[in-house]
Amino acid sequence: MSPYQNHATMQGHITHGQASDLTQAAYCKENGIKPHIFSYYKNVSGNFPHVDKLSSLI
C-alpha cells in the first residue's frame, strides 16, 4: 500500500490542502499525490460541500 492510500494520511492531506493557498493540482504535485487519489478521498470523506446540494436534487 502506498503511503498516500492510507485513509488517515489522506485525511491529513485533505485538511492541509484545503487550508493551503494552493490549487488541488498544485498541492498534489507538491506532495507527490496523484490528483485522482486526492479527489477520491476528498469525496469519500464528505469534505465536498456541493455533494449535499446534489443529493437533495435526487
C-alpha atoms as a PDB file:
ATOM      1  CA  MET A   1       0.000   0.000   0.000  1.00  0.00           C
ATOM      2  CA  SER A   2       1.349   3.373  -0.953  1.00  0.00           C
ATOM      3  CA  PRO A   3       1.519   5.989   1.816  1.00  0.00           C
ATOM      4  CA  TYR A   4      -0.989   8.208   0.042  1.00  0.00           C
ATOM      5  CA  GLN A   5      -3.550   5.390   0.039  1.00  0.00           C
ATOM      6  CA  ASN A   6      -3.729   5.273   3.823  1.00  0.00           C
ATOM      7  CA  HIS A   7      -7.064   6.819   4.828  1.00  0.00           C
ATOM      8  CA  ALA A   8      -5.700   8.644   7.878  1.00  0.00           C
ATOM      9  CA  THR A   9      -2.793  10.043   5.879  1.00  0.00           C
ATOM     10  CA  MET A  10      -5.121  11.247   3.145  1.00  0.00           C
ATOM     11  CA  GLN A  11      -7.438  12.892   5.684  1.00  0.00           C
ATOM     12  CA  GLY A  12      -4.464  14.940   6.837  1.00  0.00           C
ATOM     13  CA  HIS A  13      -3.586  15.854   3.262  1.00  0.00           C
ATOM     14  CA  ILE A  14      -7.160  16.931   2.558  1.00  0.00           C
ATOM     15  CA  THR A  15      -7.184  19.168   5.634  1.00  0.00           C
ATOM     16  CA  HIS A  16      -3.804  20.687   4.765  1.00  0.00           C
ATOM     17  CA  GLY A  17      -4.707  21.031   1.104  1.00  0.00           C
ATOM     18  CA  GLN A  18      -7.893  22.936   1.862  1.00  0.00           C
ATOM     19  CA  ALA A  19      -6.067  25.201   4.313  1.00  0.00           C
ATOM     20  CA  SER A  20      -3.305  25.988   1.840  1.00  0.00           C
ATOM     21  CA  ASP A  21      -3.444  28.683  -0.799  1.00  0.00           C
ATOM     22  CA  LEU A  22      -2.605  26.111  -3.471  1.00  0.00           C
ATOM     23  CA  THR A  23      -4.928  24.642  -6.044  1.00  0.00           C
ATOM     24  CA  GLN A  24      -5.712  20.968  -5.642  1.00  0.00           C
ATOM     25  CA  ALA A  25      -3.457  20.133  -8.609  1.00  0.00           C
ATOM     26  CA  ALA A  26      -0.572  22.191  -7.215  1.00  0.00           C
ATOM     27  CA  TYR A  27      -0.940  20.660  -3.744  1.00  0.00           C
ATOM     28  CA  CYS A  28      -0.940  17.159  -5.195  1.00  0.00           C
ATOM     29  CA  LYS A  29       2.126  17.846  -7.319  1.00  0.00           C
ATOM     30  CA  GLU A  30       3.994  19.369  -4.377  1.00  0.00           C
ATOM     31  CA  ASN A  31       3.191  16.378  -2.139  1.00  0.00           C
ATOM     32  CA  GLY A  32       3.574  13.596  -4.707  1.00  0.00           C
ATOM     33  CA  ILE A  33      -0.093  12.607  -4.649  1.00  0.00           C
ATOM     34  CA  LYS A  34      -1.983  11.557  -7.752  1.00  0.00           C
ATOM     35  CA  PRO A  35      -4.844  14.050  -8.222  1.00  0.00           C
ATOM     36  CA  HIS A  36      -7.449  11.335  -8.767  1.00  0.00           C
ATOM     37  CA  ILE A  37      -6.480   9.713  -5.447  1.00  0.00           C
ATOM     38  CA  PHE A  38      -6.816  13.064  -3.664  1.00  0.00           C
ATOM     39  CA  SER A  39     -10.229  13.631  -5.292  1.00  0.00           C
ATOM     40  CA  TYR A  40     -11.403  10.161  -4.325  1.00  0.00           C
ATOM     41  CA  TYR A  41     -10.570  10.633  -0.657  1.00  0.00           C
ATOM     42  CA  LYS A  42     -11.963  14.148  -0.690  1.00  0.00           C
ATOM     43  CA  ASN A  43     -15.287  12.843  -1.996  1.00  0.00           C
ATOM     44  CA  VAL A  44     -15.348   9.857   0.362  1.00  0.00           C
ATOM     45  CA  SER A  45     -14.523  11.970   3.409  1.00  0.00           C
ATOM     46  CA  GLY A  46     -17.540  14.227   2.962  1.00  0.00           C
ATOM     47  CA  ASN A  47     -15.436  17.360   2.587  1.00  0.00           C
ATOM     48  CA  PHE A  48     -17.081  18.179  -0.691  1.00  0.00           C
ATOM     49  CA  PRO A  49     -19.684  20.850   0.052  1.00  0.00           C
ATOM     50  CA  HIS A  50     -21.672  20.522  -3.162  1.00  0.00           C
ATOM     51  CA  VAL A  51     -22.466  16.839  -2.536  1.00  0.00           C
ATOM     52  CA  ASP A  52     -25.254  17.778  -0.115  1.00  0.00           C
ATOM     53  CA  LYS A  53     -26.764  20.096  -2.698  1.00  0.00           C
ATOM     54  CA  LEU A  54     -26.660  17.400  -5.371  1.00  0.00           C
ATOM     55  CA  SER A  55     -28.175  14.712  -3.158  1.00  0.00           C
ATOM     56  CA  SER A  56     -31.112  16.970  -2.364  1.00  0.00           C
ATOM     57  CA  LEU A  57     -31.905  17.140  -6.070  1.00  0.00           C
ATOM     58  CA  ILE A  58     -32.228  13.368  -6.370  1.00  0.00           C
END
